Amino acid sequence: MFVALWEYEVKPGCEERFEKVYGPEGDWAKLFRSDPNYRETRLLRDAVRERVYLTLDFWNSRRAYEEFMEARAADYKKLDAVSGKWMLEERRIGWFECPE
């Protein structure tokens, strides 16, 4: 299994909207669900730092994730442009392989 891990700092007042779009039933997960190799998305809110979140996107493999990103690049970019307006900062923490 493969996990893409991202960290976001959300603008004040945008937390509810962010949680709705980035959560397991949000727009990102809906886009990812179009691929059979997508497993799930988890959204974590930092208990100490206000407005800081992590997303964990689980895929069957890194290759599947990369193929999806290539095939759906335009859709990804469009959604990123809309949701990016709510961020102060976005950074990729890393891509991780999970031993099974």
PDB file of N, CA and C in Angstrom:
ATOM      1  N   MET A   1       0.846  -1.177   0.000  1.00  0.00           N
ATOM      2  CA  MET A   1       0.000   0.000   0.000  1.00  0.00           C
ATOM      3  C   MET A   1       0.894   1.243   0.000  1.00  0.00           C
ATOM      4  N   PHE A   2       0.346   2.319  -0.548  1.00  0.00           N
ATOM      5  CA  PHE A   2       1.047   3.596  -0.681  1.00  0.00           C
ATOM      6  C   PHE A   2       0.207   4.700  -0.051  1.00  0.00           C
ATOM      7  N   VAL A   3       0.886   5.653   0.616  1.00  0.00           N
ATOM      8  CA  VAL A   3       0.190   6.787   1.233  1.00  0.00           C
ATOM      9  C   VAL A   3       0.853   8.088   0.791  1.00  0.00           C
ATOM     10  N   ALA A   4       0.037   9.002   0.274  1.00  0.00           N
ATOM     11  CA  ALA A   4       0.484  10.371  -0.020  1.00  0.00           C
ATOM     12  C   ALA A   4       0.070  11.227   1.170  1.00  0.00           C
ATOM     13  N   LEU A   5       1.046  11.872   1.807  1.00  0.00           N
ATOM     14  CA  LEU A   5       0.795  12.623   3.040  1.00  0.00           C
ATOM     15  C   LEU A   5       1.066  14.100   2.812  1.00  0.00           C
ATOM     16  N   TRP A   6       0.031  14.928   3.107  1.00  0.00           N
ATOM     17  CA  TRP A   6       0.098  16.375   2.903  1.00  0.00           C
ATOM     18  C   TRP A   6      -0.246  17.096   4.197  1.00  0.00           C
ATOM     19  N   GLU A   7       0.371  18.283   4.364  1.00  0.00           N
ATOM     20  CA  GLU A   7       0.047  19.150   5.501  1.00  0.00           C
ATOM     21  C   GLU A   7      -0.480  20.474   4.970  1.00  0.00           C
ATOM     22  N   TYR A   8      -1.524  20.995   5.646  1.00  0.00           N
ATOM     23  CA  TYR A   8      -2.154  22.248   5.241  1.00  0.00           C
ATOM     24  C   TYR A   8      -2.321  23.158   6.443  1.00  0.00           C
ATOM     25  N   GLU A   9      -2.056  24.430   6.232  1.00  0.00           N
ATOM     26  CA  GLU A   9      -2.445  25.445   7.202  1.00  0.00           C
ATOM     27  C   GLU A   9      -3.549  26.252   6.527  1.00  0.00           C
ATOM     28  N   VAL A  10      -4.715  26.241   7.145  1.00  0.00           N
ATOM     29  CA  VAL A  10      -5.925  26.812   6.556  1.00  0.00           C
ATOM     30  C   VAL A  10      -6.109  28.254   7.035  1.00  0.00           C
ATOM     31  N   LYS A  11      -6.590  29.097   6.153  1.00  0.00           N
ATOM     32  CA  LYS A  11      -6.872  30.491   6.514  1.00  0.00           C
ATOM     33  C   LYS A  11      -7.951  30.546   7.595  1.00  0.00           C
ATOM     34  N   PRO A  12      -7.863  31.525   8.493  1.00  0.00           N
ATOM     35  CA  PRO A  12      -8.902  31.672   9.517  1.00  0.00           C
ATOM     36  C   PRO A  12     -10.285  31.800   8.879  1.00  0.00           C
ATOM     37  N   GLY A  13     -11.242  31.090   9.441  1.00  0.00           N
ATOM     38  CA  GLY A  13     -12.602  31.136   8.943  1.00  0.00           C
ATOM     39  C   GLY A  13     -12.904  30.154   7.825  1.00  0.00           C
ATOM     40  N   CYS A  14     -11.901  29.443   7.346  1.00  0.00           N
ATOM     41  CA  CYS A  14     -12.091  28.500   6.233  1.00  0.00           C
ATOM     42  C   CYS A  14     -12.067  27.041   6.686  1.00  0.00           C
ATOM     43  N   GLU A  15     -12.004  26.804   7.979  1.00  0.00           N
ATOM     44  CA  GLU A  15     -11.841  25.449   8.493  1.00  0.00           C
ATOM     45  C   GLU A  15     -12.992  24.522   8.093  1.00  0.00           C
ATOM     46  N   GLU A  16     -14.218  24.977   8.259  1.00  0.00           N
ATOM     47  CA  GLU A  16     -15.365  24.116   7.963  1.00  0.00           C
ATOM     48  C   GLU A  16     -15.408  23.748   6.481  1.00  0.00           C
ATOM     49  N   ARG A  17     -15.174  24.717   5.628  1.00  0.00           N
ATOM     50  CA  ARG A  17     -15.170  24.472   4.180  1.00  0.00           C
ATOM     51  C   ARG A  17     -14.043  23.502   3.813  1.00  0.00           C
ATOM     52  N   PHE A  18     -12.858  23.717   4.400  1.00  0.00           N
ATOM     53  CA  PHE A  18     -11.722  22.839   4.148  1.00  0.00           C
ATOM     54  C   PHE A  18     -12.058  21.400   4.551  1.00  0.00           C
ATOM     55  N   GLU A  19     -12.587  21.232   5.759  1.00  0.00           N
ATOM     56  CA  GLU A  19     -12.904  19.893   6.252  1.00  0.00           C
ATOM     57  C   GLU A  19     -13.911  19.185   5.349  1.00  0.00           C
ATOM     58  N   LYS A  20     -14.852  19.928   4.829  1.00  0.00           N
ATOM     59  CA  LYS A  20     -15.865  19.345   3.951  1.00  0.00           C
ATOM     60  C   LYS A  20     -15.252  18.870   2.635  1.00  0.00           C
ATOM     61  N   VAL A  21     -14.378  19.646   2.050  1.00  0.00           N
ATOM     62  CA  VAL A  21     -13.785  19.313   0.750  1.00  0.00           C
ATOM     63  C   VAL A  21     -12.661  18.292   0.857  1.00  0.00           C
ATOM     64  N   TYR A  22     -11.891  18.341   1.943  1.00  0.00           N
ATOM     65  CA  TYR A  22     -10.729  17.463   2.088  1.00  0.00           C
ATOM     66  C   TYR A  22     -11.012  16.205   2.908  1.00  0.00           C
ATOM     67  N   GLY A  23     -12.176  16.103   3.499  1.00  0.00           N
ATOM     68  CA  GLY A  23     -12.528  14.950   4.304  1.00  0.00           C
ATOM     69  C   GLY A  23     -12.790  13.708   3.464  1.00  0.00           C
ATOM     70  N   PRO A  24     -13.067  12.579   4.130  1.00  0.00           N
ATOM     71  CA  PRO A  24     -13.244  11.299   3.433  1.00  0.00           C
ATOM     72  C   PRO A  24     -14.436  11.248   2.479  1.00  0.00           C
ATOM     73  N   GLU A  25     -15.367  12.162   2.604  1.00  0.00           N
ATOM     74  CA  GLU A  25     -16.506  12.221   1.678  1.00  0.00           C
ATOM     75  C   GLU A  25     -16.469  13.482   0.825  1.00  0.00           C
ATOM     76  N   GLY A  26     -15.350  14.192   0.852  1.00  0.00           N
ATOM     77  CA  GLY A  26     -15.224  15.464   0.155  1.00  0.00           C
ATOM     78  C   GLY A  26     -14.888  15.333  -1.323  1.00  0.00           C
ATOM     79  N   ASP A  27     -14.705  16.485  -1.937  1.00  0.00           N
ATOM     80  CA  ASP A  27     -14.454  16.552  -3.381  1.00  0.00           C
ATOM     81  C   ASP A  27     -13.186  15.816  -3.806  1.00  0.00           C
ATOM     82  N   TRP A  28     -12.139  15.884  -2.981  1.00  0.00           N
ATOM     83  CA  TRP A  28     -10.907  15.185  -3.334  1.00  0.00           C
ATOM     84  C   TRP A  28     -11.122  13.682  -3.345  1.00  0.00           C
ATOM     85  N   ALA A  29     -11.748  13.165  -2.307  1.00  0.00           N
ATOM     86  CA  ALA A  29     -12.002  11.722  -2.237  1.00  0.00           C
ATOM     87  C   ALA A  29     -12.907  11.278  -3.391  1.00  0.00           C
ATOM     88  N   LYS A  30     -13.874  12.101  -3.744  1.00  0.00           N
ATOM     89  CA  LYS A  30     -14.749  11.768  -4.876  1.00  0.00           C
ATOM     90  C   LYS A  30     -13.949  11.667  -6.172  1.00  0.00           C
ATOM     91  N   LEU A  31     -13.026  12.592  -6.369  1.00  0.00           N
ATOM     92  CA  LEU A  31     -12.173  12.526  -7.551  1.00  0.00           C
ATOM     93  C   LEU A  31     -11.326  11.256  -7.530  1.00  0.00           C
ATOM     94  N   PHE A  32     -10.701  10.971  -6.394  1.00  0.00           N
ATOM     95  CA  PHE A  32      -9.839   9.794  -6.287  1.00  0.00           C
ATOM     96  C   PHE A  32     -10.631   8.499  -6.483  1.00  0.00           C
ATOM     97  N   ARG A  33     -11.883   8.465  -6.027  1.00  0.00           N
ATOM     98  CA  ARG A  33     -12.707   7.251  -6.136  1.00  0.00           C
ATOM     99  C   ARG A  33     -12.981   6.840  -7.579  1.00  0.00           C
ATOM    100  N   SER A  34     -12.705   7.714  -8.513  1.00  0.00           N
ATOM    101  CA  SER A  34     -12.883   7.340  -9.917  1.00  0.00           C
ATOM    102  C   SER A  34     -11.853   6.299 -10.350  1.00  0.00           C
ATOM    103  N   ASP A  35     -10.862   6.045  -9.508  1.00  0.00           N
ATOM    104  CA  ASP A  35      -9.832   5.055  -9.807  1.00  0.00           C
ATOM    105  C   ASP A  35      -9.993   3.851  -8.873  1.00  0.00           C
ATOM    106  N   PRO A  36     -10.024   2.644  -9.414  1.00  0.00           N
ATOM    107  CA  PRO A  36     -10.216   1.459  -8.564  1.00  0.00           C
ATOM    108  C   PRO A  36      -9.048   1.176  -7.618  1.00  0.00           C
ATOM    109  N   ASN A  37      -7.913   1.810  -7.825  1.00  0.00           N
ATOM    110  CA  ASN A  37      -6.749   1.589  -6.959  1.00  0.00           C
ATOM    111  C   ASN A  37      -6.706   2.504  -5.743  1.00  0.00           C
ATOM    112  N   TYR A  38      -7.625   3.428  -5.676  1.00  0.00           N
ATOM    113  CA  TYR A  38      -7.742   4.311  -4.517  1.00  0.00           C
ATOM    114  C   TYR A  38      -8.433   3.546  -3.393  1.00  0.00           C
ATOM    115  N   ARG A  39      -7.915   3.707  -2.162  1.00  0.00           N
ATOM    116  CA  ARG A  39      -8.508   3.016  -1.012  1.00  0.00           C
ATOM    117  C   ARG A  39      -9.316   3.949  -0.124  1.00  0.00           C
ATOM    118  N   GLU A  40      -8.685   5.013   0.356  1.00  0.00           N
ATOM    119  CA  GLU A  40      -9.400   5.929   1.257  1.00  0.00           C
ATOM    120  C   GLU A  40      -8.570   7.176   1.520  1.00  0.00           C
ATOM    121  N   THR A  41      -9.252   8.180   2.084  1.00  0.00           N
ATOM    122  CA  THR A  41      -8.604   9.399   2.551  1.00  0.00           C
ATOM    123  C   THR A  41      -8.934   9.571   4.024  1.00  0.00           C
ATOM    124  N   ARG A  42      -7.935   9.954   4.785  1.00  0.00           N
ATOM    125  CA  ARG A  42      -8.142  10.296   6.191  1.00  0.00           C
ATOM    126  C   ARG A  42      -7.718  11.751   6.389  1.00  0.00           C
ATOM    127  N   LEU A  43      -8.502  12.464   7.165  1.00  0.00           N
ATOM    128  CA  LEU A  43      -8.223  13.866   7.472  1.00  0.00           C
ATOM    129  C   LEU A  43      -7.981  13.974   8.967  1.00  0.00           C
ATOM    130  N   LEU A  44      -6.836  14.545   9.337  1.00  0.00           N
ATOM    131  CA  LEU A  44      -6.486  14.729  10.741  1.00  0.00           C
ATOM    132  C   LEU A  44      -6.329  16.213  11.030  1.00  0.00           C
ATOM    133  N   ARG A  45      -6.868  16.648  12.152  1.00  0.00           N
ATOM    134  CA  ARG A  45      -6.731  18.048  12.582  1.00  0.00           C
ATOM    135  C   ARG A  45      -5.756  18.081  13.750  1.00  0.00           C
ATOM    136  N   ASP A  46      -4.771  18.971  13.673  1.00  0.00           N
ATOM    137  CA  ASP A  46      -3.767  19.093  14.720  1.00  0.00           C
ATOM    138  C   ASP A  46      -4.422  19.545  16.018  1.00  0.00           C
ATOM    139  N   ALA A  47      -4.116  18.873  17.103  1.00  0.00           N
ATOM    140  CA  ALA A  47      -4.715  19.186  18.402  1.00  0.00           C
ATOM    141  C   ALA A  47      -4.065  20.398  19.067  1.00  0.00           C
ATOM    142  N   VAL A  48      -2.902  20.829  18.586  1.00  0.00           N
ATOM    143  CA  VAL A  48      -2.166  21.930  19.208  1.00  0.00           C
ATOM    144  C   VAL A  48      -2.125  23.166  18.312  1.00  0.00           C
ATOM    145  N   ARG A  49      -1.783  22.969  17.058  1.00  0.00           N
ATOM    146  CA  ARG A  49      -1.664  24.093  16.124  1.00  0.00           C
ATOM    147  C   ARG A  49      -3.012  24.330  15.437  1.00  0.00           C
ATOM    148  N   GLU A  50      -3.601  25.481  15.706  1.00  0.00           N
ATOM    149  CA  GLU A  50      -4.895  25.799  15.098  1.00  0.00           C
ATOM    150  C   GLU A  50      -4.791  25.839  13.579  1.00  0.00           C
ATOM    151  N   ARG A  51      -5.815  25.326  12.947  1.00  0.00           N
ATOM    152  CA  ARG A  51      -5.962  25.391  11.492  1.00  0.00           C
ATOM    153  C   ARG A  51      -4.906  24.590  10.728  1.00  0.00           C
ATOM    154  N   VAL A  52      -4.267  23.615  11.379  1.00  0.00           N
ATOM    155  CA  VAL A  52      -3.304  22.760  10.685  1.00  0.00           C
ATOM    156  C   VAL A  52      -3.904  21.352  10.567  1.00  0.00           C
ATOM    157  N   TYR A  53      -3.826  20.810   9.361  1.00  0.00           N
ATOM    158  CA  TYR A  53      -4.414  19.513   9.048  1.00  0.00           C
ATOM    159  C   TYR A  53      -3.410  18.643   8.302  1.00  0.00           C
ATOM    160  N   LEU A  54      -3.636  17.347   8.369  1.00  0.00           N
ATOM    161  CA  LEU A  54      -2.937  16.375   7.536  1.00  0.00           C
ATOM    162  C   LEU A  54      -3.978  15.611   6.738  1.00  0.00           C
ATOM    163  N   THR A  55      -3.645  15.307   5.492  1.00  0.00           N
ATOM    164  CA  THR A  55      -4.448  14.355   4.735  1.00  0.00           C
ATOM    165  C   THR A  55      -3.562  13.172   4.407  1.00  0.00           C
ATOM    166  N   LEU A  56      -4.154  12.000   4.485  1.00  0.00           N
ATOM    167  CA  LEU A  56      -3.486  10.751   4.133  1.00  0.00           C
ATOM    168  C   LEU A  56      -4.340  10.094   3.060  1.00  0.00           C
ATOM    169  N   ASP A  57      -3.799   9.984   1.870  1.00  0.00           N
ATOM    170  CA  ASP A  57      -4.512   9.367   0.753  1.00  0.00           C
ATOM    171  C   ASP A  57      -3.891   8.001   0.505  1.00  0.00           C
ATOM    172  N   PHE A  58      -4.692   6.964   0.673  1.00  0.00           N
ATOM    173  CA  PHE A  58      -4.228   5.580   0.573  1.00  0.00           C
ATOM    174  C   PHE A  58      -4.558   5.012  -0.805  1.00  0.00           C
ATOM    175  N   TRP A  59      -3.547   4.397  -1.416  1.00  0.00           N
ATOM    176  CA  TRP A  59      -3.662   3.796  -2.737  1.00  0.00           C
ATOM    177  C   TRP A  59      -3.074   2.380  -2.695  1.00  0.00           C
ATOM    178  N   ASN A  60      -3.430   1.578  -3.669  1.00  0.00           N
ATOM    179  CA  ASN A  60      -2.887   0.216  -3.726  1.00  0.00           C
ATOM    180  C   ASN A  60      -1.377   0.208  -3.935  1.00  0.00           C
ATOM    181  N   SER A  61      -0.871   1.196  -4.692  1.00  0.00           N
ATOM    182  CA  SER A  61       0.567   1.260  -4.964  1.00  0.00           C
ATOM    183  C   SER A  61       0.950   2.676  -5.390  1.00  0.00           C
ATOM    184  N   ARG A  62       2.226   2.944  -5.320  1.00  0.00           N
ATOM    185  CA  ARG A  62       2.728   4.237  -5.789  1.00  0.00           C
ATOM    186  C   ARG A  62       2.491   4.378  -7.294  1.00  0.00           C
ATOM    187  N   ARG A  63       2.714   3.303  -7.999  1.00  0.00           N
ATOM    188  CA  ARG A  63       2.514   3.335  -9.452  1.00  0.00           C
ATOM    189  C   ARG A  63       1.067   3.698  -9.793  1.00  0.00           C
ATOM    190  N   ALA A  64       0.112   3.112  -9.084  1.00  0.00           N
ATOM    191  CA  ALA A  64      -1.304   3.414  -9.322  1.00  0.00           C
ATOM    192  C   ALA A  64      -1.582   4.897  -9.070  1.00  0.00           C
ATOM    193  N   TYR A  65      -1.010   5.427  -7.992  1.00  0.00           N
ATOM    194  CA  TYR A  65      -1.184   6.851  -7.661  1.00  0.00           C
ATOM    195  C   TYR A  65      -0.604   7.733  -8.773  1.00  0.00           C
ATOM    196  N   GLU A  66       0.596   7.425  -9.199  1.00  0.00           N
ATOM    197  CA  GLU A  66       1.245   8.221 -10.232  1.00  0.00           C
ATOM    198  C   GLU A  66       0.491   8.146 -11.560  1.00  0.00           C
ATOM    199  N   GLU A  67      -0.030   6.975 -11.907  1.00  0.00           N
ATOM    200  CA  GLU A  67      -0.809   6.834 -13.132  1.00  0.00           C
ATOM    201  C   GLU A  67      -2.105   7.637 -13.050  1.00  0.00           C
ATOM    202  N   PHE A  68      -2.736   7.610 -11.880  1.00  0.00           N
ATOM    203  CA  PHE A  68      -3.942   8.412 -11.689  1.00  0.00           C
ATOM    204  C   PHE A  68      -3.616   9.893 -11.842  1.00  0.00           C
ATOM    205  N   MET A  69      -2.550  10.337 -11.211  1.00  0.00           N
ATOM    206  CA  MET A  69      -2.168  11.746 -11.263  1.00  0.00           C
ATOM    207  C   MET A  69      -1.888  12.192 -12.699  1.00  0.00           C
ATOM    208  N   GLU A  70      -1.300  11.327 -13.468  1.00  0.00           N
ATOM    209  CA  GLU A  70      -1.018  11.654 -14.861  1.00  0.00           C
ATOM    210  C   GLU A  70      -2.312  11.685 -15.685  1.00  0.00           C
ATOM    211  N   ALA A  71      -3.159  10.691 -15.495  1.00  0.00           N
ATOM    212  CA  ALA A  71      -4.387  10.587 -16.281  1.00  0.00           C
ATOM    213  C   ALA A  71      -5.400  11.671 -15.930  1.00  0.00           C
ATOM    214  N   ARG A  72      -5.439  12.094 -14.675  1.00  0.00           N
ATOM    215  CA  ARG A  72      -6.442  13.054 -14.215  1.00  0.00           C
ATOM    216  C   ARG A  72      -5.824  14.399 -13.832  1.00  0.00           C
ATOM    217  N   ALA A  73      -4.701  14.729 -14.416  1.00  0.00           N
ATOM    218  CA  ALA A  73      -3.962  15.946 -14.071  1.00  0.00           C
ATOM    219  C   ALA A  73      -4.821  17.206 -14.209  1.00  0.00           C
ATOM    220  N   ALA A  74      -5.607  17.294 -15.239  1.00  0.00           N
ATOM    221  CA  ALA A  74      -6.421  18.494 -15.458  1.00  0.00           C
ATOM    222  C   ALA A  74      -7.487  18.638 -14.370  1.00  0.00           C
ATOM    223  N   ASP A  75      -8.145  17.540 -14.015  1.00  0.00           N
ATOM    224  CA  ASP A  75      -9.160  17.573 -12.957  1.00  0.00           C
ATOM    225  C   ASP A  75      -8.533  17.917 -11.611  1.00  0.00           C
ATOM    226  N   TYR A  76      -7.365  17.350 -11.351  1.00  0.00           N
ATOM    227  CA  TYR A  76      -6.645  17.605 -10.108  1.00  0.00           C
ATOM    228  C   TYR A  76      -6.278  19.084 -10.012  1.00  0.00           C
ATOM    229  N   LYS A  77      -5.745  19.612 -11.092  1.00  0.00           N
ATOM    230  CA  LYS A  77      -5.316  21.013 -11.116  1.00  0.00           C
ATOM    231  C   LYS A  77      -6.494  21.963 -10.906  1.00  0.00           C
ATOM    232  N   LYS A  78      -7.626  21.644 -11.517  1.00  0.00           N
ATOM    233  CA  LYS A  78      -8.824  22.476 -11.392  1.00  0.00           C
ATOM    234  C   LYS A  78      -9.318  22.508  -9.942  1.00  0.00           C
ATOM    235  N   LEU A  79      -9.407  21.352  -9.311  1.00  0.00           N
ATOM    236  CA  LEU A  79      -9.853  21.285  -7.920  1.00  0.00           C
ATOM    237  C   LEU A  79      -8.837  21.946  -6.989  1.00  0.00           C
ATOM    238  N   ASP A  80      -7.563  21.774  -7.271  1.00  0.00           N
ATOM    239  CA  ASP A  80      -6.517  22.386  -6.461  1.00  0.00           C
ATOM    240  C   ASP A  80      -6.581  23.914  -6.524  1.00  0.00           C
ATOM    241  N   ALA A  81      -6.904  24.457  -7.689  1.00  0.00           N
ATOM    242  CA  ALA A  81      -6.995  25.915  -7.847  1.00  0.00           C
ATOM    243  C   ALA A  81      -8.130  26.483  -6.997  1.00  0.00           C
ATOM    244  N   VAL A  82      -9.237  25.778  -6.939  1.00  0.00           N
ATOM    245  CA  VAL A  82     -10.387  26.241  -6.151  1.00  0.00           C
ATOM    246  C   VAL A  82     -10.092  26.116  -4.657  1.00  0.00           C
ATOM    247  N   SER A  83      -9.669  24.953  -4.231  1.00  0.00           N
ATOM    248  CA  SER A  83      -9.469  24.713  -2.793  1.00  0.00           C
ATOM    249  C   SER A  83      -8.216  25.390  -2.258  1.00  0.00           C
ATOM    250  N   GLY A  84      -7.277  25.702  -3.119  1.00  0.00           N
ATOM    251  CA  GLY A  84      -6.061  26.375  -2.687  1.00  0.00           C
ATOM    252  C   GLY A  84      -6.290  27.775  -2.149  1.00  0.00           C
ATOM    253  N   LYS A  85      -7.437  28.343  -2.447  1.00  0.00           N
ATOM    254  CA  LYS A  85      -7.762  29.690  -1.976  1.00  0.00           C
ATOM    255  C   LYS A  85      -7.960  29.737  -0.462  1.00  0.00           C
ATOM    256  N   TRP A  86      -8.151  28.588   0.156  1.00  0.00           N
ATOM    257  CA  TRP A  86      -8.405  28.531   1.601  1.00  0.00           C
ATOM    258  C   TRP A  86      -7.143  28.284   2.410  1.00  0.00           C
ATOM    259  N   MET A  87      -5.990  28.199   1.746  1.00  0.00           N
ATOM    260  CA  MET A  87      -4.746  27.813   2.420  1.00  0.00           C
ATOM    261  C   MET A  87      -3.815  28.998   2.661  1.00  0.00           C
ATOM    262  N   LEU A  88      -3.145  28.926   3.779  1.00  0.00           N
ATOM    263  CA  LEU A  88      -1.987  29.793   3.997  1.00  0.00           C
ATOM    264  C   LEU A  88      -0.739  29.068   3.530  1.00  0.00           C
ATOM    265  N   GLU A  89      -0.752  27.743   3.721  1.00  0.00           N
ATOM    266  CA  GLU A  89       0.407  26.941   3.332  1.00  0.00           C
ATOM    267  C   GLU A  89      -0.043  25.518   3.034  1.00  0.00           C
ATOM    268  N   GLU A  90       0.599  24.927   2.037  1.00  0.00           N
ATOM    269  CA  GLU A  90       0.363  23.526   1.673  1.00  0.00           C
ATOM    270  C   GLU A  90       1.726  22.916   1.390  1.00  0.00           C
ATOM    271  N   ARG A  91       1.984  21.759   1.971  1.00  0.00           N
ATOM    272  CA  ARG A  91       3.262  21.111   1.660  1.00  0.00           C
ATOM    273  C   ARG A  91       3.118  19.604   1.667  1.00  0.00           C
ATOM    274  N   ARG A  92       3.811  19.014   0.742  1.00  0.00           N
ATOM    275  CA  ARG A  92       3.840  17.555   0.674  1.00  0.00           C
ATOM    276  C   ARG A  92       4.847  17.080   1.715  1.00  0.00           C
ATOM    277  N   ILE A  93       4.386  16.302   2.650  1.00  0.00           N
ATOM    278  CA  ILE A  93       5.291  15.750   3.655  1.00  0.00           C
ATOM    279  C   ILE A  93       6.072  14.592   3.060  1.00  0.00           C
ATOM    280  N   GLY A  94       5.396  13.758   2.310  1.00  0.00           N
ATOM    281  CA  GLY A  94       6.100  12.652   1.672  1.00  0.00           C
ATOM    282  C   GLY A  94       5.181  11.613   1.090  1.00  0.00           C
ATOM    283  N   TRP A  95       5.802  10.695   0.400  1.00  0.00           N
ATOM    284  CA  TRP A  95       5.130   9.546  -0.158  1.00  0.00           C
ATOM    285  C   TRP A  95       5.685   8.340   0.570  1.00  0.00           C
ATOM    286  N   PHE A  96       4.809   7.534   1.102  1.00  0.00           N
ATOM    287  CA  PHE A  96       5.227   6.436   1.969  1.00  0.00           C
ATOM    288  C   PHE A  96       4.680   5.098   1.483  1.00  0.00           C
ATOM    289  N   GLU A  97       5.520   4.084   1.573  1.00  0.00           N
ATOM    290  CA  GLU A  97       5.122   2.708   1.300  1.00  0.00           C
ATOM    291  C   GLU A  97       4.792   2.047   2.625  1.00  0.00           C
ATOM    292  N   CYS A  98       3.676   1.348   2.665  1.00  0.00           N
ATOM    293  CA  CYS A  98       3.251   0.652   3.878  1.00  0.00           C
ATOM    294  C   CYS A  98       3.499  -0.840   3.702  1.00  0.00           C
ATOM    295  N   PRO A  99       4.301  -1.408   4.584  1.00  0.00           N
ATOM    296  CA  PRO A  99       4.464  -2.863   4.511  1.00  0.00           C
ATOM    297  C   PRO A  99       3.147  -3.551   4.873  1.00  0.00           C
ATOM    298  N   GLU A 100       2.804  -4.564   4.143  1.00  0.00           N
ATOM    299  CA  GLU A 100       1.545  -5.268   4.421  1.00  0.00           C
ATOM    300  C   GLU A 100       1.816  -6.652   4.936  1.00  0.00           C
TER     301      GLU A 100
END
